C-alpha atoms as a PDB file:
ATOM      1  CA  MET A   1       0.070  -0.080  -0.097  1.00  0.00           C
ATOM      2  CA  LYS A   2       1.317   3.421  -0.816  1.00  0.00           C
ATOM      3  CA  ILE A   3       0.016   6.047   1.956  1.00  0.00           C
ATOM      4  CA  ILE A   4      -0.356   9.788   1.366  1.00  0.00           C
ATOM      5  CA  ARG A   5      -1.085  12.535   3.703  1.00  0.00           C
ATOM      6  CA  TYR A   6      -3.180  15.662   2.036  1.00  0.00           C
ATOM      7  CA  GLN A   7      -5.325  18.435   2.773  1.00  0.00           C
ATOM      8  CA  ASP A   8      -8.757  18.589   1.262  1.00  0.00           C
ATOM      9  CA  SER A   9     -10.636  21.605  -0.045  1.00  0.00           C
ATOM     10  CA  ASP A  10     -11.790  22.544   3.764  1.00  0.00           C
ATOM     11  CA  GLY A  11      -7.973  22.511   4.949  1.00  0.00           C
ATOM     12  CA  ASP A  12      -8.585  19.310   6.854  1.00  0.00           C
ATOM     13  CA  THR A  13      -5.777  16.668   7.061  1.00  0.00           C
ATOM     14  CA  HIS A  14      -6.336  13.242   6.160  1.00  0.00           C
ATOM     15  CA  TYR A  15      -4.673   9.907   5.078  1.00  0.00           C
ATOM     16  CA  GLY A  16      -4.992   8.202   1.774  1.00  0.00           C
ATOM     17  CA  VAL A  17      -4.061   5.564  -0.727  1.00  0.00           C
ATOM     18  CA  GLN A  18      -2.263   6.309  -3.756  1.00  0.00           C
ATOM     19  CA  HIS A  19      -3.390   4.584  -6.966  1.00  0.00           C
ATOM     20  CA  ASP A  20      -2.460   4.836 -10.710  1.00  0.00           C
ATOM     21  CA  THR A  21      -6.142   5.911 -11.196  1.00  0.00           C
ATOM     22  CA  GLY A  22      -5.797   8.598  -8.455  1.00  0.00           C
ATOM     23  CA  PRO A  23      -5.826   8.990  -4.577  1.00  0.00           C
ATOM     24  CA  THR A  24      -8.714   6.972  -2.300  1.00  0.00           C
ATOM     25  CA  ARG A  25      -9.393   8.017   1.470  1.00  0.00           C
ATOM     26  CA  LEU A  26      -7.949   5.927   4.108  1.00  0.00           C
ATOM     27  CA  GLU A  27     -10.065   4.839   7.022  1.00  0.00           C
ATOM     28  CA  GLY A  28      -8.580   5.043  10.084  1.00  0.00           C
ATOM     29  CA  CYS A  29      -4.689   5.885  11.017  1.00  0.00           C
ATOM     30  CA  PRO A  30      -1.606   4.172   9.310  1.00  0.00           C
ATOM     31  CA  LEU A  31      -0.345   3.813  12.823  1.00  0.00           C
ATOM     32  CA  GLY A  32      -3.511   1.544  13.863  1.00  0.00           C
ATOM     33  CA  ASP A  33      -6.152  -0.221  12.188  1.00  0.00           C
ATOM     34  CA  HIS A  34      -6.691   1.358   8.693  1.00  0.00           C
ATOM     35  CA  GLN A  35      -8.237   0.214   5.256  1.00  0.00           C
ATOM     36  CA  ASP A  36      -8.622   1.565   1.675  1.00  0.00           C
ATOM     37  CA  SER A  37     -12.171   3.285   1.639  1.00  0.00           C
ATOM     38  CA  GLY A  38     -12.358   3.158  -2.271  1.00  0.00           C
ATOM     39  CA  GLU A  39     -13.616   6.555  -2.156  1.00  0.00           C
ATOM     40  CA  ALA A  40     -12.045   9.275  -4.374  1.00  0.00           C
ATOM     41  CA  ALA A  41     -10.040  11.665  -2.145  1.00  0.00           C
ATOM     42  CA  ASP A  42     -10.106  15.468  -2.473  1.00  0.00           C
ATOM     43  CA  LEU A  43      -6.874  16.072  -2.577  1.00  0.00           C
ATOM     44  CA  GLN A  44      -5.724  19.756  -2.611  1.00  0.00           C
ATOM     45  CA  LYS A  45      -2.393  19.675  -1.164  1.00  0.00           C
ATOM     46  CA  LEU A  46       0.154  16.848  -0.840  1.00  0.00           C
ATOM     47  CA  LEU A  47       1.639  16.602   2.599  1.00  0.00           C
ATOM     48  CA  ALA A  48       4.707  14.899   4.179  1.00  0.00           C
ATOM     49  CA  PRO A  49       3.308  11.066   4.596  1.00  0.00           C
ATOM     50  CA  ILE A  50       4.053  11.244   8.377  1.00  0.00           C
ATOM     51  CA  ARG A  51       4.543  13.946  11.233  1.00  0.00           C
ATOM     52  CA  PRO A  52       6.918  11.897  13.169  1.00  0.00           C
ATOM     53  CA  PRO A  53       7.384  12.446  16.821  1.00  0.00           C
ATOM     54  CA  GLU A  54      11.181  11.374  16.413  1.00  0.00           C
ATOM     55  CA  ILE A  55      13.438  11.966  13.996  1.00  0.00           C
ATOM     56  CA  LEU A  56      16.682   9.784  14.410  1.00  0.00           C
ATOM     57  CA  CYS A  57      19.413  10.261  11.713  1.00  0.00           C
ATOM     58  CA  ILE A  58      22.734   7.993  10.749  1.00  0.00           C
ATOM     59  CA  GLY A  59      25.478   9.623   9.259  1.00  0.00           C
ATOM     60  CA  LEU A  60      28.230   8.030   7.593  1.00  0.00           C
ATOM     61  CA  ASN A  61      26.320   4.938   6.796  1.00  0.00           C
ATOM     62  CA  TYR A  62      27.318   4.437   3.320  1.00  0.00           C
ATOM     63  CA  ARG A  63      31.171   3.462   2.665  1.00  0.00           C
ATOM     64  CA  GLN A  64      31.791   5.276  -0.322  1.00  0.00           C
ATOM     65  CA  HIS A  65      30.479   8.585   1.262  1.00  0.00           C
ATOM     66  CA  ALA A  66      32.602   8.167   4.309  1.00  0.00           C
ATOM     67  CA  GLU A  67      35.368   7.684   1.936  1.00  0.00           C
ATOM     68  CA  GLU A  68      34.567  10.868  -0.024  1.00  0.00           C
ATOM     69  CA  GLY A  69      34.880  12.967   3.100  1.00  0.00           C
ATOM     70  CA  GLY A  70      38.116  11.320   4.370  1.00  0.00           C
ATOM     71  CA  ASN A  71      36.467   9.729   7.197  1.00  0.00           C
ATOM     72  CA  ASP A  72      37.234   6.121   8.773  1.00  0.00           C
ATOM     73  CA  ILE A  73      34.331   3.703   8.368  1.00  0.00           C
ATOM     74  CA  PRO A  74      32.843   4.206  11.979  1.00  0.00           C
ATOM     75  CA  GLU A  75      32.668   0.994  14.034  1.00  0.00           C
ATOM     76  CA  TYR A  76      29.281   2.177  15.578  1.00  0.00           C
ATOM     77  CA  PRO A  77      26.220   3.766  13.826  1.00  0.00           C
ATOM     78  CA  VAL A  78      26.931   7.514  14.092  1.00  0.00           C
ATOM     79  CA  LEU A  79      23.555   9.065  15.714  1.00  0.00           C
ATOM     80  CA  PHE A  80      22.314  12.683  15.248  1.00  0.00           C
ATOM     81  CA  ILE A  81      18.932  14.216  15.250  1.00  0.00           C
ATOM     82  CA  LYS A  82      16.903  16.760  13.319  1.00  0.00           C
ATOM     83  CA  ALA A  83      14.328  18.637  15.049  1.00  0.00           C
ATOM     84  CA  ALA A  84      10.544  18.542  14.467  1.00  0.00           C
ATOM     85  CA  ASN A  85      10.557  21.964  12.724  1.00  0.00           C
ATOM     86  CA  THR A  86      12.351  20.621   9.748  1.00  0.00           C
ATOM     87  CA  LEU A  87       9.536  18.640   8.294  1.00  0.00           C
ATOM     88  CA  ASN A  88       8.888  19.703   4.616  1.00  0.00           C
ATOM     89  CA  ASN A  89       6.378  18.528   2.025  1.00  0.00           C
ATOM     90  CA  PRO A  90       6.725  17.526  -1.263  1.00  0.00           C
ATOM     91  CA  GLY A  91       6.466  20.391  -3.722  1.00  0.00           C
ATOM     92  CA  ASP A  92       7.039  23.215  -0.769  1.00  0.00           C
ATOM     93  CA  PRO A  93      10.236  25.291  -1.016  1.00  0.00           C
ATOM     94  CA  ILE A  94      13.518  24.230   0.817  1.00  0.00           C
ATOM     95  CA  VAL A  95      14.533  27.767   2.189  1.00  0.00           C
ATOM     96  CA  VAL A  96      18.293  28.613   2.519  1.00  0.00           C
ATOM     97  CA  PRO A  97      18.539  30.668   5.767  1.00  0.00           C
ATOM     98  CA  ALA A  98      20.183  34.050   5.954  1.00  0.00           C
ATOM     99  CA  ILE A  99      22.115  32.564   8.592  1.00  0.00           C
ATOM    100  CA  GLU A 100      23.576  29.788   6.364  1.00  0.00           C
ATOM    101  CA  PRO A 101      23.429  31.434   2.969  1.00  0.00           C
ATOM    102  CA  VAL A 102      26.095  29.502   0.980  1.00  0.00           C
ATOM    103  CA  THR A 103      26.754  26.033   1.926  1.00  0.00           C
ATOM    104  CA  VAL A 104      23.170  24.383   2.094  1.00  0.00           C
ATOM    105  CA  ASP A 105      23.496  20.650   0.857  1.00  0.00           C
ATOM    106  CA  TYR A 106      21.367  17.886  -0.494  1.00  0.00           C
ATOM    107  CA  GLU A 107      21.516  14.171   0.789  1.00  0.00           C
ATOM    108  CA  CYS A 108      19.097  11.523  -0.670  1.00  0.00           C
ATOM    109  CA  GLU A 109      18.233   8.837   1.856  1.00  0.00           C
ATOM    110  CA  LEU A 110      15.845   6.274   2.634  1.00  0.00           C
ATOM    111  CA  ALA A 111      13.518   7.032   5.580  1.00  0.00           C
ATOM    112  CA  VAL A 112      12.469   4.331   7.721  1.00  0.00           C
ATOM    113  CA  VAL A 113       8.995   4.706   9.736  1.00  0.00           C
ATOM    114  CA  ILE A 114       8.446   2.434  12.908  1.00  0.00           C
ATOM    115  CA  GLY A 115       4.780   1.256  13.134  1.00  0.00           C
ATOM    116  CA  ARG A 116       4.536   0.064  16.570  1.00  0.00           C
ATOM    117  CA  GLU A 117       6.514   0.718  19.789  1.00  0.00           C
ATOM    118  CA  ALA A 118       9.788  -0.648  19.584  1.00  0.00           C
ATOM    119  CA  LYS A 119      12.087  -1.316  22.628  1.00  0.00           C
ATOM    120  CA  ASN A 120      15.175  -3.741  22.550  1.00  0.00           C
ATOM    121  CA  VAL A 121      14.322  -5.115  19.362  1.00  0.00           C
ATOM    122  CA  SER A 122      16.740  -7.820  17.862  1.00  0.00           C
ATOM    123  CA  LYS A 123      18.005  -7.527  14.276  1.00  0.00           C
ATOM    124  CA  ALA A 124      15.770 -10.857  13.534  1.00  0.00           C
ATOM    125  CA  ASP A 125      12.576  -9.256  14.572  1.00  0.00           C
ATOM    126  CA  ALA A 126      13.220  -5.615  13.513  1.00  0.00           C
ATOM    127  CA  LEU A 127      11.561  -5.392  10.366  1.00  0.00           C
ATOM    128  CA  ASP A 128       8.195  -6.741  12.078  1.00  0.00           C
ATOM    129  CA  TYR A 129       8.308  -3.089  13.746  1.00  0.00           C
ATOM    130  CA  VAL A 130       8.449  -1.205  10.356  1.00  0.00           C
ATOM    131  CA  LEU A 131       5.406   0.281   8.953  1.00  0.00           C
ATOM    132  CA  GLY A 132       6.955   1.417   5.785  1.00  0.00           C
ATOM    133  CA  TYR A 133       9.505   3.641   3.905  1.00  0.00           C
ATOM    134  CA  THR A 134       9.745   6.917   2.271  1.00  0.00           C
ATOM    135  CA  CYS A 135      12.166   9.059   0.441  1.00  0.00           C
ATOM    136  CA  ALA A 136      13.781  11.760   2.251  1.00  0.00           C
ATOM    137  CA  ASN A 137      16.339  14.839   1.787  1.00  0.00           C
ATOM    138  CA  ASP A 138      18.547  15.288   4.614  1.00  0.00           C
ATOM    139  CA  VAL A 139      19.387  19.126   3.807  1.00  0.00           C
ATOM    140  CA  SER A 140      22.468  19.924   5.718  1.00  0.00           C
ATOM    141  CA  GLY A 141      23.980  23.380   6.295  1.00  0.00           C
ATOM    142  CA  ARG A 142      27.585  22.401   6.151  1.00  0.00           C
ATOM    143  CA  THR A 143      29.006  25.577   7.469  1.00  0.00           C
ATOM    144  CA  TRP A 144      26.894  25.137  11.010  1.00  0.00           C
ATOM    145  CA  GLN A 145      27.680  21.213  10.946  1.00  0.00           C
ATOM    146  CA  THR A 146      31.244  21.424  10.694  1.00  0.00           C
ATOM    147  CA  LYS A 147      32.216  24.853  12.053  1.00  0.00           C
ATOM    148  CA  LYS A 148      29.594  26.683  14.427  1.00  0.00           C
ATOM    149  CA  GLY A 149      27.970  23.730  15.523  1.00  0.00           C
ATOM    150  CA  GLY A 150      30.060  23.151  18.493  1.00  0.00           C
ATOM    151  CA  SER A 151      31.351  19.795  17.085  1.00  0.00           C
ATOM    152  CA  GLN A 152      27.607  18.577  17.129  1.00  0.00           C
ATOM    153  CA  TRP A 153      25.605  18.228  13.652  1.00  0.00           C
ATOM    154  CA  CYS A 154      22.247  18.735  15.067  1.00  0.00           C
ATOM    155  CA  ARG A 155      22.369  22.427  14.468  1.00  0.00           C
ATOM    156  CA  GLY A 156      23.396  22.268  11.098  1.00  0.00           C
ATOM    157  CA  LYS A 157      20.703  19.456  10.067  1.00  0.00           C
ATOM    158  CA  SER A 158      17.876  21.491  11.819  1.00  0.00           C
ATOM    159  CA  PHE A 159      17.016  24.639  10.105  1.00  0.00           C
ATOM    160  CA  ASP A 160      13.349  25.257   8.977  1.00  0.00           C
ATOM    161  CA  THR A 161      12.308  22.987   5.769  1.00  0.00           C
ATOM    162  CA  PHE A 162      15.251  20.699   5.966  1.00  0.00           C
ATOM    163  CA  LEU A 163      13.638  17.444   6.007  1.00  0.00           C
ATOM    164  CA  PRO A 164      11.457  16.940   2.929  1.00  0.00           C
ATOM    165  CA  LEU A 165       9.781  13.746   3.113  1.00  0.00           C
ATOM    166  CA  GLY A 166       7.497  11.788   0.613  1.00  0.00           C
ATOM    167  CA  PRO A 167       5.762  11.719  -1.844  1.00  0.00           C
ATOM    168  CA  CYS A 168       4.354   8.642  -0.021  1.00  0.00           C
ATOM    169  CA  LEU A 169       4.708   6.036   2.688  1.00  0.00           C
ATOM    170  CA  VAL A 170       5.262   2.334   0.944  1.00  0.00           C
ATOM    171  CA  THR A 171       4.142  -0.341   3.567  1.00  0.00           C
ATOM    172  CA  THR A 172       6.678  -3.163   3.899  1.00  0.00           C
ATOM    173  CA  ASP A 173       4.599  -5.700   1.921  1.00  0.00           C
ATOM    174  CA  GLU A 174       5.903  -3.619  -1.241  1.00  0.00           C
ATOM    175  CA  ILE A 175       9.492  -3.751  -0.112  1.00  0.00           C
ATOM    176  CA  PRO A 176      10.627  -6.537   1.552  1.00  0.00           C
ATOM    177  CA  ASP A 177      14.257  -6.008   1.465  1.00  0.00           C
ATOM    178  CA  PRO A 178      14.903  -2.292   2.424  1.00  0.00           C
ATOM    179  CA  ASN A 179      18.775  -2.765   1.443  1.00  0.00           C
ATOM    180  CA  ALA A 180      18.011  -3.535  -2.118  1.00  0.00           C
ATOM    181  CA  LEU A 181      16.808  -0.523  -3.586  1.00  0.00           C
ATOM    182  CA  LYS A 182      18.280   2.144  -5.898  1.00  0.00           C
ATOM    183  CA  LEU A 183      18.420   5.838  -5.004  1.00  0.00           C
ATOM    184  CA  SER A 184      19.495   9.091  -6.363  1.00  0.00           C
ATOM    185  CA  THR A 185      19.282  12.886  -6.301  1.00  0.00           C
ATOM    186  CA  THR A 186      18.930  15.056  -9.334  1.00  0.00           C
ATOM    187  CA  LEU A 187      19.612  18.860  -9.182  1.00  0.00           C
ATOM    188  CA  ASN A 188      18.559  21.253 -12.064  1.00  0.00           C
ATOM    189  CA  GLY A 189      18.336  17.937 -13.948  1.00  0.00           C
ATOM    190  CA  GLU A 190      21.650  16.816 -13.441  1.00  0.00           C
ATOM    191  CA  VAL A 191      22.070  13.257 -11.443  1.00  0.00           C
ATOM    192  CA  MET A 192      24.402  14.213  -8.509  1.00  0.00           C
ATOM    193  CA  GLN A 193      23.908  10.811  -6.319  1.00  0.00           C
ATOM    194  CA  ASP A 194      23.005   7.544  -8.040  1.00  0.00           C
ATOM    195  CA  TRP A 195      23.711   4.450  -5.751  1.00  0.00           C
ATOM    196  CA  THR A 196      22.006   1.537  -3.815  1.00  0.00           C
ATOM    197  CA  THR A 197      21.042   0.901  -0.119  1.00  0.00           C
ATOM    198  CA  SER A 198      23.144  -2.222  -0.457  1.00  0.00           C
ATOM    199  CA  ASP A 199      26.261   0.012   0.031  1.00  0.00           C
ATOM    200  CA  MET A 200      25.036   0.560   3.873  1.00  0.00           C
ATOM    201  CA  ILE A 201      27.816  -0.023   6.509  1.00  0.00           C
ATOM    202  CA  PHE A 202      24.553  -0.853   9.008  1.00  0.00           C
ATOM    203  CA  ASN A 203      21.778  -2.130   7.387  1.00  0.00           C
ATOM    204  CA  VAL A 204      18.161  -0.990   8.415  1.00  0.00           C
ATOM    205  CA  PRO A 205      17.718  -4.443  10.671  1.00  0.00           C
ATOM    206  CA  THR A 206      20.819  -3.362  12.490  1.00  0.00           C
ATOM    207  CA  LEU A 207      19.775   0.560  13.022  1.00  0.00           C
ATOM    208  CA  ILE A 208      16.677  -0.798  14.674  1.00  0.00           C
ATOM    209  CA  GLU A 209      18.464  -2.946  16.698  1.00  0.00           C
ATOM    210  CA  PHE A 210      20.972  -0.252  17.851  1.00  0.00           C
ATOM    211  CA  LEU A 211      18.516   2.508  18.221  1.00  0.00           C
ATOM    212  CA  SER A 212      16.057   0.728  20.297  1.00  0.00           C
ATOM    213  CA  GLN A 213      18.254  -0.810  22.655  1.00  0.00           C
ATOM    214  CA  GLY A 214      17.388   0.775  26.348  1.00  0.00           C
ATOM    215  CA  THR A 215      15.385   3.101  24.335  1.00  0.00           C
ATOM    216  CA  THR A 216      11.563   3.337  23.347  1.00  0.00           C
ATOM    217  CA  LEU A 217      11.120   4.393  19.703  1.00  0.00           C
ATOM    218  CA  PRO A 218       7.400   5.566  19.466  1.00  0.00           C
ATOM    219  CA  PRO A 219       5.474   4.785  16.614  1.00  0.00           C
ATOM    220  CA  GLY A 220       5.678   7.045  13.920  1.00  0.00           C
ATOM    221  CA  THR A 221       9.309   7.430  14.504  1.00  0.00           C
ATOM    222  CA  VAL A 222      11.503   8.148  11.403  1.00  0.00           C
ATOM    223  CA  ILE A 223      14.916   6.683  11.049  1.00  0.00           C
ATOM    224  CA  MET A 224      17.047   8.241   8.470  1.00  0.00           C
ATOM    225  CA  THR A 225      19.546   5.646   7.267  1.00  0.00           C
ATOM    226  CA  GLY A 226      22.269   7.840   5.608  1.00  0.00           C
ATOM    227  CA  THR A 227      23.443   8.999   2.196  1.00  0.00           C
ATOM    228  CA  PRO A 228      25.718   7.815  -0.398  1.00  0.00           C
ATOM    229  CA  GLN A 229      28.526   9.445  -2.168  1.00  0.00           C
ATOM    230  CA  GLY A 230      27.946  12.603  -4.369  1.00  0.00           C
ATOM    231  CA  VAL A 231      26.905  15.238  -1.822  1.00  0.00           C
ATOM    232  CA  GLY A 232      27.899  18.658  -2.850  1.00  0.00           C
ATOM    233  CA  ALA A 233      30.330  19.560  -0.276  1.00  0.00           C
ATOM    234  CA  ALA A 234      32.447  16.725  -1.839  1.00  0.00           C
ATOM    235  CA  ARG A 235      32.360  17.888  -5.109  1.00  0.00           C
ATOM    236  CA  ASN A 236      35.521  19.948  -6.985  1.00  0.00           C
ATOM    237  CA  PRO A 237      34.442  22.472  -6.961  1.00  0.00           C
ATOM    238  CA  PRO A 238      31.910  22.077  -4.052  1.00  0.00           C
ATOM    239  CA  VAL A 239      27.880  22.421  -5.559  1.00  0.00           C
ATOM    240  CA  PHE A 240      25.614  23.846  -2.999  1.00  0.00           C
ATOM    241  CA  LEU A 241      21.491  24.559  -3.056  1.00  0.00           C
ATOM    242  CA  LYS A 242      20.801  28.436  -4.027  1.00  0.00           C
ATOM    243  CA  ASP A 243      17.731  30.510  -4.728  1.00  0.00           C
ATOM    244  CA  GLY A 244      16.077  29.163  -7.984  1.00  0.00           C
ATOM    245  CA  ASP A 245      17.211  25.444  -7.879  1.00  0.00           C
ATOM    246  CA  GLU A 246      15.096  22.288  -7.881  1.00  0.00           C
ATOM    247  CA  VAL A 247      16.220  19.191  -6.428  1.00  0.00           C
ATOM    248  CA  THR A 248      14.436  15.552  -6.585  1.00  0.00           C
ATOM    249  CA  ILE A 249      15.149  12.752  -4.687  1.00  0.00           C
ATOM    250  CA  GLU A 250      13.955   9.225  -5.757  1.00  0.00           C
ATOM    251  CA  VAL A 251      13.978   5.816  -4.067  1.00  0.00           C
ATOM    252  CA  GLU A 252      13.215   2.538  -6.106  1.00  0.00           C
ATOM    253  CA  ASN A 253       9.521   1.296  -5.381  1.00  0.00           C
ATOM    254  CA  ILE A 254       8.676   4.622  -3.719  1.00  0.00           C
ATOM    255  CA  GLY A 255       8.563   7.658  -5.856  1.00  0.00           C
ATOM    256  CA  LYS A 256       9.968  10.884  -6.631  1.00  0.00           C
ATOM    257  CA  LEU A 257      10.229  13.555  -4.134  1.00  0.00           C
ATOM    258  CA  THR A 258      11.060  17.074  -5.386  1.00  0.00           C
ATOM    259  CA  ASN A 259      11.271  20.567  -3.877  1.00  0.00           C
ATOM    260  CA  PRO A 260      12.125  24.162  -5.339  1.00  0.00           C
ATOM    261  CA  VAL A 261      14.865  25.941  -3.232  1.00  0.00           C
ATOM    262  CA  THR A 262      14.385  29.746  -2.120  1.00  0.00           C
ATOM    263  CA  ALA A 263      16.517  32.081  -0.231  1.00  0.00           C
ATOM    264  CA  GLU A 264      14.882  33.319   3.240  1.00  0.00           C
END
């Protein structure tokens, strides 16, 4: 099932099901009992498919991305957190903030959405706790990530609009192996990242096991699983997002997530 979240003509928010023939209304909530009503959805604006209570992010989780930045392969997953204010919808602008006007970067990622409360989960059982997957852009302010953030990444990762999600959430029955998917970033028509989730250093079950040890992951938690090589900061010369750009994240079997870029 491909689940969407949307606003109708009255401005109310609903969940729906994406079909080739058009969206239908979803009865219930994706995090509880739900079913496809079969009734046409009054979709006026597409929203991020989930509003997560927590956004847990893994850095340096692709071998070639770690290498392109001159970093050692990590022994354990590298965790940071994006704030809730970063959530952004498909089609809405990524805003380059005045406080970080030059070095804003793209990062295509597979996002995992936890479907039920998870704590002390084993790798063997980890995927049983997943509701589904969506496309994500871990937009990053590199100056604040590397120089001004006090050695922590959260500030540079947590400006408004810095987490586009979508266009839909694809349930696990349609993606049995999250580590066998192609993913890419296209910037103004040029492919910048083009790789596969099989290159993850720590695969999805390993990440869920690691993150849930001694820690409760509530339903709706989004786990960002890292980005492959090709980020703008590692290019020569560097390529950063600027006013007037358009960036598209694509993940196999999920779809395309496109956002324009504007200056604050």
